[in-house]
Amino acid sequence: MKCLNECQAAKKPCKARDCRMWISYPKEFNCCLCTVEENGRMTLREVADRLNISYVRVKQIEDQALAKLKTIYKEK
């Protein structure tokens, strides 16, 4: 959050690629927190259009993330 506040104050995109909130979208300071704050929830198609990748690729990433979450919660 500190990083986002600094970027908004400077009106420049974030360069901290190692941040877990970093996305390649300079219009919203490269920060997914800013994206959610500005737009709210987005559909997978909106995410695909925004990042210039296919809907299918976004769906694959979502499926992989959900599978990881399921294995983590099964272990606990």
PDB file of N, CA and C in Angstrom:
ATOM      1  N   MET A   1       0.828  -1.188   0.000  1.00  0.00           N
ATOM      2  CA  MET A   1       0.000   0.000   0.000  1.00  0.00           C
ATOM      3  C   MET A   1       0.872   1.251   0.000  1.00  0.00           C
ATOM      4  N   LYS A   2       1.981   1.212   0.728  1.00  0.00           N
ATOM      5  CA  LYS A   2       2.894   2.348   0.766  1.00  0.00           C
ATOM      6  C   LYS A   2       3.400   2.659  -0.640  1.00  0.00           C
ATOM      7  N   CYS A   3       3.767   1.619  -1.363  1.00  0.00           N
ATOM      8  CA  CYS A   3       4.269   1.763  -2.725  1.00  0.00           C
ATOM      9  C   CYS A   3       3.224   2.452  -3.607  1.00  0.00           C
ATOM     10  N   LEU A   4       1.979   2.028  -3.519  1.00  0.00           N
ATOM     11  CA  LEU A   4       0.904   2.615  -4.316  1.00  0.00           C
ATOM     12  C   LEU A   4       0.734   4.089  -3.992  1.00  0.00           C
ATOM     13  N   ASN A   5       0.746   4.428  -2.717  1.00  0.00           N
ATOM     14  CA  ASN A   5       0.595   5.829  -2.318  1.00  0.00           C
ATOM     15  C   ASN A   5       1.721   6.688  -2.873  1.00  0.00           C
ATOM     16  N   GLU A   6       2.951   6.159  -2.840  1.00  0.00           N
ATOM     17  CA  GLU A   6       4.090   6.898  -3.384  1.00  0.00           C
ATOM     18  C   GLU A   6       3.945   7.105  -4.883  1.00  0.00           C
ATOM     19  N   CYS A   7       3.517   6.078  -5.599  1.00  0.00           N
ATOM     20  CA  CYS A   7       3.347   6.177  -7.052  1.00  0.00           C
ATOM     21  C   CYS A   7       2.225   7.152  -7.410  1.00  0.00           C
ATOM     22  N   GLN A   8       1.134   7.093  -6.681  1.00  0.00           N
ATOM     23  CA  GLN A   8       0.036   8.016  -6.943  1.00  0.00           C
ATOM     24  C   GLN A   8       0.459   9.454  -6.682  1.00  0.00           C
ATOM     25  N   ALA A   9       1.217   9.675  -5.617  1.00  0.00           N
ATOM     26  CA  ALA A   9       1.672  11.031  -5.286  1.00  0.00           C
ATOM     27  C   ALA A   9       2.628  11.555  -6.356  1.00  0.00           C
ATOM     28  N   ALA A  10       3.504  10.683  -6.864  1.00  0.00           N
ATOM     29  CA  ALA A  10       4.474  11.081  -7.889  1.00  0.00           C
ATOM     30  C   ALA A  10       3.859  11.074  -9.291  1.00  0.00           C
ATOM     31  N   LYS A  11       2.667  10.453  -9.421  1.00  0.00           N
ATOM     32  CA  LYS A  11       1.992  10.301 -10.715  1.00  0.00           C
ATOM     33  C   LYS A  11       2.876   9.588 -11.742  1.00  0.00           C
ATOM     34  N   LYS A  12       3.560   8.539 -11.252  1.00  0.00           N
ATOM     35  CA  LYS A  12       4.424   7.733 -12.107  1.00  0.00           C
ATOM     36  C   LYS A  12       4.170   6.254 -11.827  1.00  0.00           C
ATOM     37  N   PRO A  13       4.260   5.415 -12.863  1.00  0.00           N
ATOM     38  CA  PRO A  13       4.085   3.976 -12.654  1.00  0.00           C
ATOM     39  C   PRO A  13       5.159   3.394 -11.738  1.00  0.00           C
ATOM     40  N   CYS A  14       4.790   2.373 -11.008  1.00  0.00           N
ATOM     41  CA  CYS A  14       5.715   1.691 -10.103  1.00  0.00           C
ATOM     42  C   CYS A  14       6.724   0.878 -10.907  1.00  0.00           C
ATOM     43  N   LYS A  15       7.950   0.873 -10.441  1.00  0.00           N
ATOM     44  CA  LYS A  15       8.994   0.102 -11.112  1.00  0.00           C
ATOM     45  C   LYS A  15       9.390  -1.133 -10.302  1.00  0.00           C
ATOM     46  N   ALA A  16       8.762  -1.343  -9.164  1.00  0.00           N
ATOM     47  CA  ALA A  16       9.117  -2.453  -8.272  1.00  0.00           C
ATOM     48  C   ALA A  16       8.511  -3.761  -8.756  1.00  0.00           C
ATOM     49  N   ARG A  17       9.148  -4.379  -9.740  1.00  0.00           N
ATOM     50  CA  ARG A  17       8.627  -5.615 -10.318  1.00  0.00           C
ATOM     51  C   ARG A  17       8.613  -6.775  -9.333  1.00  0.00           C
ATOM     52  N   ASP A  18       9.378  -6.691  -8.272  1.00  0.00           N
ATOM     53  CA  ASP A  18       9.398  -7.778  -7.302  1.00  0.00           C
ATOM     54  C   ASP A  18       8.233  -7.693  -6.320  1.00  0.00           C
ATOM     55  N   CYS A  19       7.440  -6.641  -6.399  1.00  0.00           N
ATOM     56  CA  CYS A  19       6.269  -6.478  -5.544  1.00  0.00           C
ATOM     57  C   CYS A  19       5.197  -7.479  -5.976  1.00  0.00           C
ATOM     58  N   ARG A  20       4.515  -8.078  -5.016  1.00  0.00           N
ATOM     59  CA  ARG A  20       3.474  -9.063  -5.356  1.00  0.00           C
ATOM     60  C   ARG A  20       2.263  -8.418  -6.009  1.00  0.00           C
ATOM     61  N   MET A  21       2.144  -7.097  -5.907  1.00  0.00           N
ATOM     62  CA  MET A  21       1.002  -6.396  -6.486  1.00  0.00           C
ATOM     63  C   MET A  21       1.302  -5.826  -7.866  1.00  0.00           C
ATOM     64  N   TRP A  22       2.514  -6.036  -8.381  1.00  0.00           N
ATOM     65  CA  TRP A  22       2.942  -5.435  -9.643  1.00  0.00           C
ATOM     66  C   TRP A  22       2.294  -6.135 -10.830  1.00  0.00           C
ATOM     67  N   ILE A  23       1.757  -5.349 -11.756  1.00  0.00           N
ATOM     68  CA  ILE A  23       1.276  -5.851 -13.036  1.00  0.00           C
ATOM     69  C   ILE A  23       1.798  -4.921 -14.115  1.00  0.00           C
ATOM     70  N   SER A  24       1.863  -5.395 -15.308  1.00  0.00           N
ATOM     71  CA  SER A  24       2.370  -4.574 -16.408  1.00  0.00           C
ATOM     72  C   SER A  24       1.219  -3.757 -16.995  1.00  0.00           C
ATOM     73  N   TYR A  25       0.843  -2.690 -16.306  1.00  0.00           N
ATOM     74  CA  TYR A  25      -0.235  -1.820 -16.767  1.00  0.00           C
ATOM     75  C   TYR A  25       0.019  -0.410 -16.247  1.00  0.00           C
ATOM     76  N   PRO A  26       0.897   0.350 -16.945  1.00  0.00           N
ATOM     77  CA  PRO A  26       1.318   1.671 -16.471  1.00  0.00           C
ATOM     78  C   PRO A  26       0.181   2.660 -16.242  1.00  0.00           C
ATOM     79  N   LYS A  27      -0.933   2.504 -16.945  1.00  0.00           N
ATOM     80  CA  LYS A  27      -2.046   3.456 -16.784  1.00  0.00           C
ATOM     81  C   LYS A  27      -2.564   3.490 -15.350  1.00  0.00           C
ATOM     82  N   GLU A  28      -2.394   2.406 -14.624  1.00  0.00           N
ATOM     83  CA  GLU A  28      -2.834   2.350 -13.230  1.00  0.00           C
ATOM     84  C   GLU A  28      -1.648   2.070 -12.319  1.00  0.00           C
ATOM     85  N   PHE A  29      -0.537   2.714 -12.610  1.00  0.00           N
ATOM     86  CA  PHE A  29       0.678   2.690 -11.787  1.00  0.00           C
ATOM     87  C   PHE A  29       1.278   1.296 -11.629  1.00  0.00           C
ATOM     88  N   ASN A  30       0.985   0.369 -12.554  1.00  0.00           N
ATOM     89  CA  ASN A  30       1.489  -1.010 -12.517  1.00  0.00           C
ATOM     90  C   ASN A  30       1.091  -1.746 -11.234  1.00  0.00           C
ATOM     91  N   CYS A  31       0.002  -1.363 -10.654  1.00  0.00           N
ATOM     92  CA  CYS A  31      -0.396  -1.944  -9.369  1.00  0.00           C
ATOM     93  C   CYS A  31      -1.794  -2.556  -9.450  1.00  0.00           C
ATOM     94  N   CYS A  32      -1.918  -3.832  -9.082  1.00  0.00           N
ATOM     95  CA  CYS A  32      -3.233  -4.466  -9.136  1.00  0.00           C
ATOM     96  C   CYS A  32      -4.158  -3.895  -8.065  1.00  0.00           C
ATOM     97  N   LEU A  33      -3.616  -3.376  -6.963  1.00  0.00           N
ATOM     98  CA  LEU A  33      -4.462  -2.733  -5.955  1.00  0.00           C
ATOM     99  C   LEU A  33      -5.158  -1.512  -6.532  1.00  0.00           C
ATOM    100  N   CYS A  34      -4.419  -0.743  -7.316  1.00  0.00           N
ATOM    101  CA  CYS A  34      -4.991   0.435  -7.961  1.00  0.00           C
ATOM    102  C   CYS A  34      -6.069   0.017  -8.964  1.00  0.00           C
ATOM    103  N   THR A  35      -5.812  -1.049  -9.696  1.00  0.00           N
ATOM    104  CA  THR A  35      -6.780  -1.546 -10.672  1.00  0.00           C
ATOM    105  C   THR A  35      -8.088  -1.928 -10.002  1.00  0.00           C
ATOM    106  N   VAL A  36      -8.007  -2.658  -8.899  1.00  0.00           N
ATOM    107  CA  VAL A  36      -9.214  -3.067  -8.177  1.00  0.00           C
ATOM    108  C   VAL A  36      -9.918  -1.844  -7.594  1.00  0.00           C
ATOM    109  N   GLU A  37      -9.147  -0.930  -7.065  1.00  0.00           N
ATOM    110  CA  GLU A  37      -9.707   0.294  -6.488  1.00  0.00           C
ATOM    111  C   GLU A  37     -10.453   1.110  -7.552  1.00  0.00           C
ATOM    112  N   GLU A  38      -9.879   1.193  -8.739  1.00  0.00           N
ATOM    113  CA  GLU A  38     -10.466   1.985  -9.821  1.00  0.00           C
ATOM    114  C   GLU A  38     -11.671   1.301 -10.468  1.00  0.00           C
ATOM    115  N   ASN A  39     -11.575  -0.020 -10.680  1.00  0.00           N
ATOM    116  CA  ASN A  39     -12.556  -0.725 -11.507  1.00  0.00           C
ATOM    117  C   ASN A  39     -13.428  -1.740 -10.790  1.00  0.00           C
ATOM    118  N   GLY A  40     -13.071  -2.115  -9.592  1.00  0.00           N
ATOM    119  CA  GLY A  40     -13.818  -3.173  -8.923  1.00  0.00           C
ATOM    120  C   GLY A  40     -13.496  -4.522  -9.543  1.00  0.00           C
ATOM    121  N   ARG A  41     -14.389  -5.470  -9.401  1.00  0.00           N
ATOM    122  CA  ARG A  41     -14.171  -6.804  -9.952  1.00  0.00           C
ATOM    123  C   ARG A  41     -14.233  -6.754 -11.464  1.00  0.00           C
ATOM    124  N   MET A  42     -13.407  -7.557 -12.093  1.00  0.00           N
ATOM    125  CA  MET A  42     -13.363  -7.611 -13.558  1.00  0.00           C
ATOM    126  C   MET A  42     -13.605  -9.042 -14.023  1.00  0.00           C
ATOM    127  N   THR A  43     -14.183  -9.162 -15.192  1.00  0.00           N
ATOM    128  CA  THR A  43     -14.369 -10.493 -15.768  1.00  0.00           C
ATOM    129  C   THR A  43     -13.042 -10.972 -16.347  1.00  0.00           C
ATOM    130  N   LEU A  44     -12.967 -12.268 -16.632  1.00  0.00           N
ATOM    131  CA  LEU A  44     -11.754 -12.811 -17.237  1.00  0.00           C
ATOM    132  C   LEU A  44     -11.510 -12.190 -18.612  1.00  0.00           C
ATOM    133  N   ARG A  45     -12.565 -11.910 -19.336  1.00  0.00           N
ATOM    134  CA  ARG A  45     -12.409 -11.271 -20.652  1.00  0.00           C
ATOM    135  C   ARG A  45     -11.846  -9.859 -20.520  1.00  0.00           C
ATOM    136  N   GLU A  46     -12.296  -9.120 -19.520  1.00  0.00           N
ATOM    137  CA  GLU A  46     -11.765  -7.769 -19.289  1.00  0.00           C
ATOM    138  C   GLU A  46     -10.279  -7.829 -18.928  1.00  0.00           C
ATOM    139  N   VAL A  47      -9.910  -8.805 -18.122  1.00  0.00           N
ATOM    140  CA  VAL A  47      -8.509  -8.972 -17.754  1.00  0.00           C
ATOM    141  C   VAL A  47      -7.680  -9.306 -18.992  1.00  0.00           C
ATOM    142  N   ALA A  48      -8.179 -10.202 -19.821  1.00  0.00           N
ATOM    143  CA  ALA A  48      -7.468 -10.580 -21.045  1.00  0.00           C
ATOM    144  C   ALA A  48      -7.275  -9.377 -21.968  1.00  0.00           C
ATOM    145  N   ASP A  49      -8.314  -8.605 -22.168  1.00  0.00           N
ATOM    146  CA  ASP A  49      -8.216  -7.418 -23.024  1.00  0.00           C
ATOM    147  C   ASP A  49      -7.220  -6.414 -22.464  1.00  0.00           C
ATOM    148  N   ARG A  50      -7.270  -6.221 -21.176  1.00  0.00           N
ATOM    149  CA  ARG A  50      -6.395  -5.245 -20.511  1.00  0.00           C
ATOM    150  C   ARG A  50      -4.927  -5.637 -20.622  1.00  0.00           C
ATOM    151  N   LEU A  51      -4.628  -6.916 -20.479  1.00  0.00           N
ATOM    152  CA  LEU A  51      -3.239  -7.380 -20.499  1.00  0.00           C
ATOM    153  C   LEU A  51      -2.770  -7.844 -21.879  1.00  0.00           C
ATOM    154  N   ASN A  52      -3.646  -7.737 -22.867  1.00  0.00           N
ATOM    155  CA  ASN A  52      -3.330  -8.147 -24.244  1.00  0.00           C
ATOM    156  C   ASN A  52      -2.902  -9.611 -24.338  1.00  0.00           C
ATOM    157  N   ILE A  53      -3.627 -10.459 -23.625  1.00  0.00           N
ATOM    158  CA  ILE A  53      -3.431 -11.897 -23.743  1.00  0.00           C
ATOM    159  C   ILE A  53      -4.799 -12.516 -24.018  1.00  0.00           C
ATOM    160  N   SER A  54      -4.796 -13.761 -24.424  1.00  0.00           N
ATOM    161  CA  SER A  54      -6.066 -14.386 -24.780  1.00  0.00           C
ATOM    162  C   SER A  54      -6.881 -14.737 -23.543  1.00  0.00           C
ATOM    163  N   TYR A  55      -8.182 -14.829 -23.760  1.00  0.00           N
ATOM    164  CA  TYR A  55      -9.092 -15.245 -22.698  1.00  0.00           C
ATOM    165  C   TYR A  55      -8.712 -16.640 -22.211  1.00  0.00           C
ATOM    166  N   VAL A  56      -8.358 -17.512 -23.159  1.00  0.00           N
ATOM    167  CA  VAL A  56      -7.997 -18.888 -22.816  1.00  0.00           C
ATOM    168  C   VAL A  56      -6.794 -18.903 -21.873  1.00  0.00           C
ATOM    169  N   ARG A  57      -5.797 -18.050 -22.125  1.00  0.00           N
ATOM    170  CA  ARG A  57      -4.617 -17.997 -21.260  1.00  0.00           C
ATOM    171  C   ARG A  57      -4.997 -17.520 -19.858  1.00  0.00           C
ATOM    172  N   VAL A  58      -5.864 -16.524 -19.776  1.00  0.00           N
ATOM    173  CA  VAL A  58      -6.314 -16.040 -18.463  1.00  0.00           C
ATOM    174  C   VAL A  58      -7.044 -17.163 -17.726  1.00  0.00           C
ATOM    175  N   LYS A  59      -7.857 -17.917 -18.430  1.00  0.00           N
ATOM    176  CA  LYS A  59      -8.583 -19.039 -17.832  1.00  0.00           C
ATOM    177  C   LYS A  59      -7.614 -20.116 -17.336  1.00  0.00           C
ATOM    178  N   GLN A  60      -6.551 -20.382 -18.117  1.00  0.00           N
ATOM    179  CA  GLN A  60      -5.546 -21.358 -17.698  1.00  0.00           C
ATOM    180  C   GLN A  60      -4.865 -20.909 -16.404  1.00  0.00           C
ATOM    181  N   ILE A  61      -4.523 -19.630 -16.337  1.00  0.00           N
ATOM    182  CA  ILE A  61      -3.875 -19.095 -15.140  1.00  0.00           C
ATOM    183  C   ILE A  61      -4.809 -19.205 -13.947  1.00  0.00           C
ATOM    184  N   GLU A  62      -6.079 -18.890 -14.144  1.00  0.00           N
ATOM    185  CA  GLU A  62      -7.052 -19.004 -13.062  1.00  0.00           C
ATOM    186  C   GLU A  62      -7.163 -20.455 -12.588  1.00  0.00           C
ATOM    187  N   ASP A  63      -7.251 -21.379 -13.523  1.00  0.00           N
ATOM    188  CA  ASP A  63      -7.366 -22.802 -13.164  1.00  0.00           C
ATOM    189  C   ASP A  63      -6.145 -23.282 -12.379  1.00  0.00           C
ATOM    190  N   GLN A  64      -4.948 -22.843 -12.792  1.00  0.00           N
ATOM    191  CA  GLN A  64      -3.725 -23.215 -12.080  1.00  0.00           C
ATOM    192  C   GLN A  64      -3.732 -22.656 -10.659  1.00  0.00           C
ATOM    193  N   ALA A  65      -4.153 -21.415 -10.518  1.00  0.00           N
ATOM    194  CA  ALA A  65      -4.199 -20.786  -9.193  1.00  0.00           C
ATOM    195  C   ALA A  65      -5.193 -21.506  -8.288  1.00  0.00           C
ATOM    196  N   LEU A  66      -6.352 -21.843  -8.816  1.00  0.00           N
ATOM    197  CA  LEU A  66      -7.348 -22.555  -8.013  1.00  0.00           C
ATOM    198  C   LEU A  66      -6.864 -23.941  -7.610  1.00  0.00           C
ATOM    199  N   ALA A  67      -6.158 -24.625  -8.511  1.00  0.00           N
ATOM    200  CA  ALA A  67      -5.619 -25.945  -8.194  1.00  0.00           C
ATOM    201  C   ALA A  67      -4.589 -25.839  -7.071  1.00  0.00           C
ATOM    202  N   LYS A  68      -3.746 -24.817  -7.114  1.00  0.00           N
ATOM    203  CA  LYS A  68      -2.762 -24.619  -6.044  1.00  0.00           C
ATOM    204  C   LYS A  68      -3.458 -24.366  -4.713  1.00  0.00           C
ATOM    205  N   LEU A  69      -4.486 -23.547  -4.737  1.00  0.00           N
ATOM    206  CA  LEU A  69      -5.218 -23.249  -3.501  1.00  0.00           C
ATOM    207  C   LEU A  69      -5.858 -24.511  -2.933  1.00  0.00           C
ATOM    208  N   LYS A  70      -6.403 -25.353  -3.799  1.00  0.00           N
ATOM    209  CA  LYS A  70      -7.031 -26.584  -3.335  1.00  0.00           C
ATOM    210  C   LYS A  70      -6.021 -27.498  -2.669  1.00  0.00           C
ATOM    211  N   THR A  71      -4.822 -27.617  -3.239  1.00  0.00           N
ATOM    212  CA  THR A  71      -3.812 -28.482  -2.636  1.00  0.00           C
ATOM    213  C   THR A  71      -3.329 -27.907  -1.308  1.00  0.00           C
ATOM    214  N   ILE A  72      -3.228 -26.604  -1.209  1.00  0.00           N
ATOM    215  CA  ILE A  72      -2.799 -25.977   0.041  1.00  0.00           C
ATOM    216  C   ILE A  72      -3.827 -26.243   1.144  1.00  0.00           C
ATOM    217  N   TYR A  73      -5.108 -26.094   0.823  1.00  0.00           N
ATOM    218  CA  TYR A  73      -6.136 -26.282   1.844  1.00  0.00           C
ATOM    219  C   TYR A  73      -6.350 -27.753   2.181  1.00  0.00           C
ATOM    220  N   LYS A  74      -6.043 -28.667   1.275  1.00  0.00           N
ATOM    221  CA  LYS A  74      -6.152 -30.094   1.585  1.00  0.00           C
ATOM    222  C   LYS A  74      -5.052 -30.512   2.553  1.00  0.00           C
ATOM    223  N   GLU A  75      -3.894 -29.857   2.470  1.00  0.00           N
ATOM    224  CA  GLU A  75      -2.766 -30.199   3.338  1.00  0.00           C
ATOM    225  C   GLU A  75      -3.021 -29.785   4.772  1.00  0.00           C
ATOM    226  N   LYS A  76      -3.829 -28.782   4.998  1.00  0.00           N
ATOM    227  CA  LYS A  76      -4.051 -28.259   6.356  1.00  0.00           C
ATOM    228  C   LYS A  76      -5.077 -29.049   7.114  1.00  0.00           C
TER     229      LYS A  76
END
